[in-house]
Amino acid sequence: MFRIIYEMMHFDFVLQVIAAARDISKLPASLGEASPLVLNPSGSVEHIKSSAAAAVAIHGRIDVLVNNAGYAQQGPVEELE
């Protein structure tokens, strides 16, 4: 995801990017001018609502939302349920 955002930041038009993460200190420097925002997708409903409100407050609106949260199982295919 970070590569996609990085490449989008080099178009001729201005993109205002918010990079949300559980720990914003771990966001890569390649995100450049992105506005950092603390967001724990496993947090309470109140936390998620306040993070969404904070995102809107940063730039006034959200036009595109990219969800890069994931879930993975590891192991041999025969043993996965």
PDB file of N, CA and C in Angstrom:
ATOM      1  N   MET A   1       0.817  -1.182   0.000  1.00  0.00           N
ATOM      2  CA  MET A   1       0.000   0.000   0.000  1.00  0.00           C
ATOM      3  C   MET A   1       0.864   1.250   0.000  1.00  0.00           C
ATOM      4  N   PHE A   2       1.944   1.258   0.771  1.00  0.00           N
ATOM      5  CA  PHE A   2       2.769   2.451   0.860  1.00  0.00           C
ATOM      6  C   PHE A   2       3.326   2.835  -0.506  1.00  0.00           C
ATOM      7  N   ARG A   3       3.671   1.844  -1.337  1.00  0.00           N
ATOM      8  CA  ARG A   3       4.185   2.145  -2.670  1.00  0.00           C
ATOM      9  C   ARG A   3       3.115   2.812  -3.521  1.00  0.00           C
ATOM     10  N   ILE A   4       1.876   2.327  -3.428  1.00  0.00           N
ATOM     11  CA  ILE A   4       0.782   2.912  -4.199  1.00  0.00           C
ATOM     12  C   ILE A   4       0.596   4.377  -3.815  1.00  0.00           C
ATOM     13  N   ILE A   5       0.546   4.651  -2.523  1.00  0.00           N
ATOM     14  CA  ILE A   5       0.367   6.030  -2.061  1.00  0.00           C
ATOM     15  C   ILE A   5       1.546   6.878  -2.503  1.00  0.00           C
ATOM     16  N   TYR A   6       2.741   6.360  -2.375  1.00  0.00           N
ATOM     17  CA  TYR A   6       3.939   7.101  -2.772  1.00  0.00           C
ATOM     18  C   TYR A   6       3.876   7.471  -4.250  1.00  0.00           C
ATOM     19  N   GLU A   7       3.491   6.516  -5.089  1.00  0.00           N
ATOM     20  CA  GLU A   7       3.411   6.785  -6.518  1.00  0.00           C
ATOM     21  C   GLU A   7       2.289   7.775  -6.836  1.00  0.00           C
ATOM     22  N   MET A   8       1.176   7.697  -6.121  1.00  0.00           N
ATOM     23  CA  MET A   8       0.074   8.625  -6.341  1.00  0.00           C
ATOM     24  C   MET A   8       0.469  10.052  -5.986  1.00  0.00           C
ATOM     25  N   MET A   9       1.393  10.207  -5.057  1.00  0.00           N
ATOM     26  CA  MET A   9       1.802  11.535  -4.633  1.00  0.00           C
ATOM     27  C   MET A   9       2.633  12.245  -5.706  1.00  0.00           C
ATOM     28  N   HIS A  10       2.988  11.558  -6.778  1.00  0.00           N
ATOM     29  CA  HIS A  10       3.810  12.154  -7.823  1.00  0.00           C
ATOM     30  C   HIS A  10       3.026  12.509  -9.093  1.00  0.00           C
ATOM     31  N   PHE A  11       1.704  12.453  -9.039  1.00  0.00           N
ATOM     32  CA  PHE A  11       0.894  12.901 -10.173  1.00  0.00           C
ATOM     33  C   PHE A  11       0.907  14.425 -10.242  1.00  0.00           C
ATOM     34  N   ASP A  12       0.365  14.982 -11.319  1.00  0.00           N
ATOM     35  CA  ASP A  12       0.343  16.427 -11.512  1.00  0.00           C
ATOM     36  C   ASP A  12      -0.655  17.136 -10.599  1.00  0.00           C
ATOM     37  N   PHE A  13      -1.617  16.440 -10.074  1.00  0.00           N
ATOM     38  CA  PHE A  13      -2.570  17.065  -9.174  1.00  0.00           C
ATOM     39  C   PHE A  13      -2.147  16.818  -7.729  1.00  0.00           C
ATOM     40  N   VAL A  14      -2.694  17.596  -6.830  1.00  0.00           N
ATOM     41  CA  VAL A  14      -2.304  17.515  -5.426  1.00  0.00           C
ATOM     42  C   VAL A  14      -3.203  16.522  -4.702  1.00  0.00           C
ATOM     43  N   LEU A  15      -2.589  15.556  -4.071  1.00  0.00           N
ATOM     44  CA  LEU A  15      -3.317  14.614  -3.231  1.00  0.00           C
ATOM     45  C   LEU A  15      -3.002  14.922  -1.782  1.00  0.00           C
ATOM     46  N   GLN A  16      -4.009  14.924  -0.971  1.00  0.00           N
ATOM     47  CA  GLN A  16      -3.816  15.099   0.459  1.00  0.00           C
ATOM     48  C   GLN A  16      -4.015  13.732   1.087  1.00  0.00           C
ATOM     49  N   VAL A  17      -2.938  13.146   1.566  1.00  0.00           N
ATOM     50  CA  VAL A  17      -2.944  11.762   2.035  1.00  0.00           C
ATOM     51  C   VAL A  17      -2.878  11.727   3.561  1.00  0.00           C
ATOM     52  N   ILE A  18      -3.697  10.881   4.138  1.00  0.00           N
ATOM     53  CA  ILE A  18      -3.635  10.590   5.562  1.00  0.00           C
ATOM     54  C   ILE A  18      -3.183   9.146   5.693  1.00  0.00           C
ATOM     55  N   ALA A  19      -2.116   8.918   6.421  1.00  0.00           N
ATOM     56  CA  ALA A  19      -1.617   7.562   6.655  1.00  0.00           C
ATOM     57  C   ALA A  19      -1.989   7.159   8.073  1.00  0.00           C
ATOM     58  N   ALA A  20      -2.881   6.204   8.195  1.00  0.00           N
ATOM     59  CA  ALA A  20      -3.347   5.754   9.511  1.00  0.00           C
ATOM     60  C   ALA A  20      -2.633   4.467   9.890  1.00  0.00           C
ATOM     61  N   ALA A  21      -2.255   4.375  11.157  1.00  0.00           N
ATOM     62  CA  ALA A  21      -1.574   3.187  11.663  1.00  0.00           C
ATOM     63  C   ALA A  21      -1.775   3.096  13.169  1.00  0.00           C
ATOM     64  N   ARG A  22      -1.634   1.881  13.677  1.00  0.00           N
ATOM     65  CA  ARG A  22      -1.699   1.710  15.133  1.00  0.00           C
ATOM     66  C   ARG A  22      -0.590   2.488  15.824  1.00  0.00           C
ATOM     67  N   ASP A  23       0.594   2.479  15.215  1.00  0.00           N
ATOM     68  CA  ASP A  23       1.768   3.155  15.769  1.00  0.00           C
ATOM     69  C   ASP A  23       2.359   4.019  14.669  1.00  0.00           C
ATOM     70  N   ILE A  24       2.072   5.311  14.699  1.00  0.00           N
ATOM     71  CA  ILE A  24       2.509   6.182  13.611  1.00  0.00           C
ATOM     72  C   ILE A  24       4.026   6.338  13.546  1.00  0.00           C
ATOM     73  N   SER A  25       4.725   5.959  14.613  1.00  0.00           N
ATOM     74  CA  SER A  25       6.193   6.032  14.561  1.00  0.00           C
ATOM     75  C   SER A  25       6.765   4.984  13.611  1.00  0.00           C
ATOM     76  N   LYS A  26       5.957   4.000  13.228  1.00  0.00           N
ATOM     77  CA  LYS A  26       6.415   2.949  12.312  1.00  0.00           C
ATOM     78  C   LYS A  26       6.082   3.249  10.851  1.00  0.00           C
ATOM     79  N   LEU A  27       5.460   4.387  10.576  1.00  0.00           N
ATOM     80  CA  LEU A  27       5.163   4.744   9.185  1.00  0.00           C
ATOM     81  C   LEU A  27       6.472   5.057   8.471  1.00  0.00           C
ATOM     82  N   PRO A  28       6.636   4.588   7.238  1.00  0.00           N
ATOM     83  CA  PRO A  28       7.887   4.827   6.515  1.00  0.00           C
ATOM     84  C   PRO A  28       8.032   6.284   6.091  1.00  0.00           C
ATOM     85  N   ALA A  29       9.262   6.738   6.043  1.00  0.00           N
ATOM     86  CA  ALA A  29       9.559   8.112   5.632  1.00  0.00           C
ATOM     87  C   ALA A  29       9.131   8.362   4.185  1.00  0.00           C
ATOM     88  N   SER A  30       8.985   7.312   3.390  1.00  0.00           N
ATOM     89  CA  SER A  30       8.612   7.468   1.982  1.00  0.00           C
ATOM     90  C   SER A  30       7.211   8.051   1.813  1.00  0.00           C
ATOM     91  N   LEU A  31       6.431   8.107   2.885  1.00  0.00           N
ATOM     92  CA  LEU A  31       5.098   8.695   2.789  1.00  0.00           C
ATOM     93  C   LEU A  31       5.159  10.218   2.720  1.00  0.00           C
ATOM     94  N   GLY A  32       6.329  10.775   2.941  1.00  0.00           N
ATOM     95  CA  GLY A  32       6.563  12.199   2.728  1.00  0.00           C
ATOM     96  C   GLY A  32       5.616  13.112   3.466  1.00  0.00           C
ATOM     97  N   GLU A  33       4.757  13.791   2.713  1.00  0.00           N
ATOM     98  CA  GLU A  33       3.872  14.817   3.256  1.00  0.00           C
ATOM     99  C   GLU A  33       2.560  14.266   3.819  1.00  0.00           C
ATOM    100  N   ALA A  34       2.420  12.961   3.907  1.00  0.00           N
ATOM    101  CA  ALA A  34       1.182  12.380   4.425  1.00  0.00           C
ATOM    102  C   ALA A  34       0.963  12.802   5.875  1.00  0.00           C
ATOM    103  N   SER A  35      -0.291  13.058   6.212  1.00  0.00           N
ATOM    104  CA  SER A  35      -0.644  13.401   7.589  1.00  0.00           C
ATOM    105  C   SER A  35      -0.818  12.112   8.385  1.00  0.00           C
ATOM    106  N   PRO A  36      -0.071  11.931   9.474  1.00  0.00           N
ATOM    107  CA  PRO A  36      -0.210  10.704  10.256  1.00  0.00           C
ATOM    108  C   PRO A  36      -1.452  10.741  11.149  1.00  0.00           C
ATOM    109  N   LEU A  37      -2.062   9.581  11.342  1.00  0.00           N
ATOM    110  CA  LEU A  37      -3.253   9.468  12.180  1.00  0.00           C
ATOM    111  C   LEU A  37      -3.221   8.125  12.892  1.00  0.00           C
ATOM    112  N   VAL A  38      -3.389   8.148  14.201  1.00  0.00           N
ATOM    113  CA  VAL A  38      -3.440   6.900  14.975  1.00  0.00           C
ATOM    114  C   VAL A  38      -4.814   6.264  14.772  1.00  0.00           C
ATOM    115  N   LEU A  39      -4.813   5.003  14.356  1.00  0.00           N
ATOM    116  CA  LEU A  39      -6.059   4.259  14.160  1.00  0.00           C
ATOM    117  C   LEU A  39      -5.809   2.795  14.453  1.00  0.00           C
ATOM    118  N   ASN A  40      -6.533   2.268  15.412  1.00  0.00           N
ATOM    119  CA  ASN A  40      -6.469   0.848  15.739  1.00  0.00           C
ATOM    120  C   ASN A  40      -7.764   0.212  15.259  1.00  0.00           C
ATOM    121  N   PRO A  41      -7.731  -0.529  14.143  1.00  0.00           N
ATOM    122  CA  PRO A  41      -8.963  -1.112  13.616  1.00  0.00           C
ATOM    123  C   PRO A  41      -9.596  -2.139  14.551  1.00  0.00           C
ATOM    124  N   SER A  42      -8.845  -2.589  15.550  1.00  0.00           N
ATOM    125  CA  SER A  42      -9.394  -3.518  16.539  1.00  0.00           C
ATOM    126  C   SER A  42      -9.903  -2.778  17.770  1.00  0.00           C
ATOM    127  N   GLY A  43      -9.850  -1.462  17.736  1.00  0.00           N
ATOM    128  CA  GLY A  43     -10.261  -0.652  18.879  1.00  0.00           C
ATOM    129  C   GLY A  43     -11.771  -0.589  19.030  1.00  0.00           C
ATOM    130  N   SER A  44     -12.186   0.163  20.014  1.00  0.00           N
ATOM    131  CA  SER A  44     -13.612   0.314  20.285  1.00  0.00           C
ATOM    132  C   SER A  44     -14.293   1.113  19.178  1.00  0.00           C
ATOM    133  N   VAL A  45     -15.597   1.015  19.130  1.00  0.00           N
ATOM    134  CA  VAL A  45     -16.374   1.775  18.152  1.00  0.00           C
ATOM    135  C   VAL A  45     -16.126   3.264  18.349  1.00  0.00           C
ATOM    136  N   GLU A  46     -16.037   3.702  19.600  1.00  0.00           N
ATOM    137  CA  GLU A  46     -15.790   5.111  19.896  1.00  0.00           C
ATOM    138  C   GLU A  46     -14.436   5.555  19.341  1.00  0.00           C
ATOM    139  N   HIS A  47     -13.411   4.712  19.487  1.00  0.00           N
ATOM    140  CA  HIS A  47     -12.081   5.041  18.963  1.00  0.00           C
ATOM    141  C   HIS A  47     -12.121   5.183  17.442  1.00  0.00           C
ATOM    142  N   ILE A  48     -12.772   4.262  16.783  1.00  0.00           N
ATOM    143  CA  ILE A  48     -12.843   4.294  15.323  1.00  0.00           C
ATOM    144  C   ILE A  48     -13.615   5.512  14.849  1.00  0.00           C
ATOM    145  N   LYS A  49     -14.732   5.826  15.510  1.00  0.00           N
ATOM    146  CA  LYS A  49     -15.503   7.016  15.134  1.00  0.00           C
ATOM    147  C   LYS A  49     -14.699   8.293  15.353  1.00  0.00           C
ATOM    148  N   SER A  50     -13.966   8.370  16.447  1.00  0.00           N
ATOM    149  CA  SER A  50     -13.172   9.579  16.703  1.00  0.00           C
ATOM    150  C   SER A  50     -12.010   9.680  15.719  1.00  0.00           C
ATOM    151  N   SER A  51     -11.428   8.563  15.319  1.00  0.00           N
ATOM    152  CA  SER A  51     -10.355   8.582  14.315  1.00  0.00           C
ATOM    153  C   SER A  51     -10.901   9.021  12.955  1.00  0.00           C
ATOM    154  N   ALA A  52     -12.091   8.556  12.603  1.00  0.00           N
ATOM    155  CA  ALA A  52     -12.719   8.981  11.342  1.00  0.00           C
ATOM    156  C   ALA A  52     -13.013  10.472  11.379  1.00  0.00           C
ATOM    157  N   ALA A  53     -13.513  10.969  12.490  1.00  0.00           N
ATOM    158  CA  ALA A  53     -13.786  12.405  12.622  1.00  0.00           C
ATOM    159  C   ALA A  53     -12.487  13.210  12.537  1.00  0.00           C
ATOM    160  N   ALA A  54     -11.420  12.684  13.124  1.00  0.00           N
ATOM    161  CA  ALA A  54     -10.117  13.361  13.051  1.00  0.00           C
ATOM    162  C   ALA A  54      -9.615  13.397  11.611  1.00  0.00           C
ATOM    163  N   ALA A  55      -9.829  12.328  10.851  1.00  0.00           N
ATOM    164  CA  ALA A  55      -9.413  12.291   9.448  1.00  0.00           C
ATOM    165  C   ALA A  55     -10.160  13.350   8.640  1.00  0.00           C
ATOM    166  N   VAL A  56     -11.450  13.469   8.865  1.00  0.00           N
ATOM    167  CA  VAL A  56     -12.240  14.477   8.157  1.00  0.00           C
ATOM    168  C   VAL A  56     -11.782  15.878   8.570  1.00  0.00           C
ATOM    169  N   ALA A  57     -11.453  16.065   9.832  1.00  0.00           N
ATOM    170  CA  ALA A  57     -11.019  17.376  10.316  1.00  0.00           C
ATOM    171  C   ALA A  57      -9.689  17.808   9.686  1.00  0.00           C
ATOM    172  N   ILE A  58      -8.843  16.857   9.330  1.00  0.00           N
ATOM    173  CA  ILE A  58      -7.538  17.193   8.762  1.00  0.00           C
ATOM    174  C   ILE A  58      -7.686  17.883   7.408  1.00  0.00           C
ATOM    175  N   HIS A  59      -8.513  17.322   6.505  1.00  0.00           N
ATOM    176  CA  HIS A  59      -8.626  17.857   5.147  1.00  0.00           C
ATOM    177  C   HIS A  59     -10.059  18.229   4.763  1.00  0.00           C
ATOM    178  N   GLY A  60     -11.002  18.077   5.661  1.00  0.00           N
ATOM    179  CA  GLY A  60     -12.377  18.485   5.371  1.00  0.00           C
ATOM    180  C   GLY A  60     -13.271  17.412   4.795  1.00  0.00           C
ATOM    181  N   ARG A  61     -12.690  16.372   4.209  1.00  0.00           N
ATOM    182  CA  ARG A  61     -13.496  15.283   3.643  1.00  0.00           C
ATOM    183  C   ARG A  61     -12.577  14.107   3.304  1.00  0.00           C
ATOM    184  N   ILE A  62     -13.206  12.971   3.020  1.00  0.00           N
ATOM    185  CA  ILE A  62     -12.473  11.783   2.566  1.00  0.00           C
ATOM    186  C   ILE A  62     -13.047  11.405   1.211  1.00  0.00           C
ATOM    187  N   ASP A  63     -12.197  11.430   0.178  1.00  0.00           N
ATOM    188  CA  ASP A  63     -12.649  11.065  -1.165  1.00  0.00           C
ATOM    189  C   ASP A  63     -12.382   9.596  -1.474  1.00  0.00           C
ATOM    190  N   VAL A  64     -11.240   9.086  -1.026  1.00  0.00           N
ATOM    191  CA  VAL A  64     -10.849   7.703  -1.304  1.00  0.00           C
ATOM    192  C   VAL A  64     -10.333   7.099  -0.013  1.00  0.00           C
ATOM    193  N   LEU A  65     -10.773   5.890   0.283  1.00  0.00           N
ATOM    194  CA  LEU A  65     -10.314   5.176   1.462  1.00  0.00           C
ATOM    195  C   LEU A  65      -9.708   3.854   1.021  1.00  0.00           C
ATOM    196  N   VAL A  66      -8.454   3.606   1.385  1.00  0.00           N
ATOM    197  CA  VAL A  66      -7.782   2.352   1.061  1.00  0.00           C
ATOM    198  C   VAL A  66      -7.600   1.588   2.364  1.00  0.00           C
ATOM    199  N   ASN A  67      -8.194   0.422   2.446  1.00  0.00           N
ATOM    200  CA  ASN A  67      -8.068  -0.414   3.633  1.00  0.00           C
ATOM    201  C   ASN A  67      -7.011  -1.472   3.351  1.00  0.00           C
ATOM    202  N   ASN A  68      -5.904  -1.394   4.065  1.00  0.00           N
ATOM    203  CA  ASN A  68      -4.820  -2.338   3.860  1.00  0.00           C
ATOM    204  C   ASN A  68      -4.681  -3.289   5.051  1.00  0.00           C
ATOM    205  N   ALA A  69      -5.666  -3.299   5.935  1.00  0.00           N
ATOM    206  CA  ALA A  69      -5.625  -4.226   7.060  1.00  0.00           C
ATOM    207  C   ALA A  69      -5.795  -5.637   6.519  1.00  0.00           C
ATOM    208  N   GLY A  70      -5.142  -6.586   7.136  1.00  0.00           N
ATOM    209  CA  GLY A  70      -5.218  -7.939   6.620  1.00  0.00           C
ATOM    210  C   GLY A  70      -5.266  -8.992   7.711  1.00  0.00           C
ATOM    211  N   TYR A  71      -5.513 -10.191   7.287  1.00  0.00           N
ATOM    212  CA  TYR A  71      -5.554 -11.345   8.172  1.00  0.00           C
ATOM    213  C   TYR A  71      -4.890 -12.489   7.425  1.00  0.00           C
ATOM    214  N   ALA A  72      -4.075 -13.235   8.118  1.00  0.00           N
ATOM    215  CA  ALA A  72      -3.387 -14.336   7.436  1.00  0.00           C
ATOM    216  C   ALA A  72      -3.335 -15.571   8.319  1.00  0.00           C
ATOM    217  N   GLN A  73      -3.407 -16.711   7.677  1.00  0.00           N
ATOM    218  CA  GLN A  73      -3.160 -17.987   8.326  1.00  0.00           C
ATOM    219  C   GLN A  73      -1.936 -18.585   7.672  1.00  0.00           C
ATOM    220  N   GLN A  74      -1.110 -19.195   8.482  1.00  0.00           N
ATOM    221  CA  GLN A  74       0.091 -19.818   7.923  1.00  0.00           C
ATOM    222  C   GLN A  74       0.082 -21.302   8.233  1.00  0.00           C
ATOM    223  N   GLY A  75       0.625 -22.066   7.308  1.00  0.00           N
ATOM    224  CA  GLY A  75       0.744 -23.495   7.485  1.00  0.00           C
ATOM    225  C   GLY A  75       0.411 -24.215   6.203  1.00  0.00           C
ATOM    226  N   PRO A  76       0.590 -25.502   6.191  1.00  0.00           N
ATOM    227  CA  PRO A  76       0.258 -26.288   4.994  1.00  0.00           C
ATOM    228  C   PRO A  76      -1.242 -26.176   4.693  1.00  0.00           C
ATOM    229  N   VAL A  77      -1.599 -26.084   3.432  1.00  0.00           N
ATOM    230  CA  VAL A  77      -2.992 -25.932   3.006  1.00  0.00           C
ATOM    231  C   VAL A  77      -3.874 -27.025   3.601  1.00  0.00           C
ATOM    232  N   GLU A  78      -3.332 -28.233   3.675  1.00  0.00           N
ATOM    233  CA  GLU A  78      -4.127 -29.355   4.180  1.00  0.00           C
ATOM    234  C   GLU A  78      -4.550 -29.177   5.644  1.00  0.00           C
ATOM    235  N   GLU A  79      -3.816 -28.340   6.391  1.00  0.00           N
ATOM    236  CA  GLU A  79      -4.098 -28.180   7.815  1.00  0.00           C
ATOM    237  C   GLU A  79      -4.896 -26.910   8.131  1.00  0.00           C
ATOM    238  N   LEU A  80      -5.118 -26.043   7.146  1.00  0.00           N
ATOM    239  CA  LEU A  80      -5.864 -24.804   7.381  1.00  0.00           C
ATOM    240  C   LEU A  80      -7.353 -25.072   7.394  1.00  0.00           C
ATOM    241  N   GLU A  81      -8.058 -24.363   8.241  1.00  0.00           N
ATOM    242  CA  GLU A  81      -9.516 -24.511   8.303  1.00  0.00           C
ATOM    243  C   GLU A  81     -10.190 -23.253   7.856  1.00  0.00           C
TER     244      GLU A  81
END
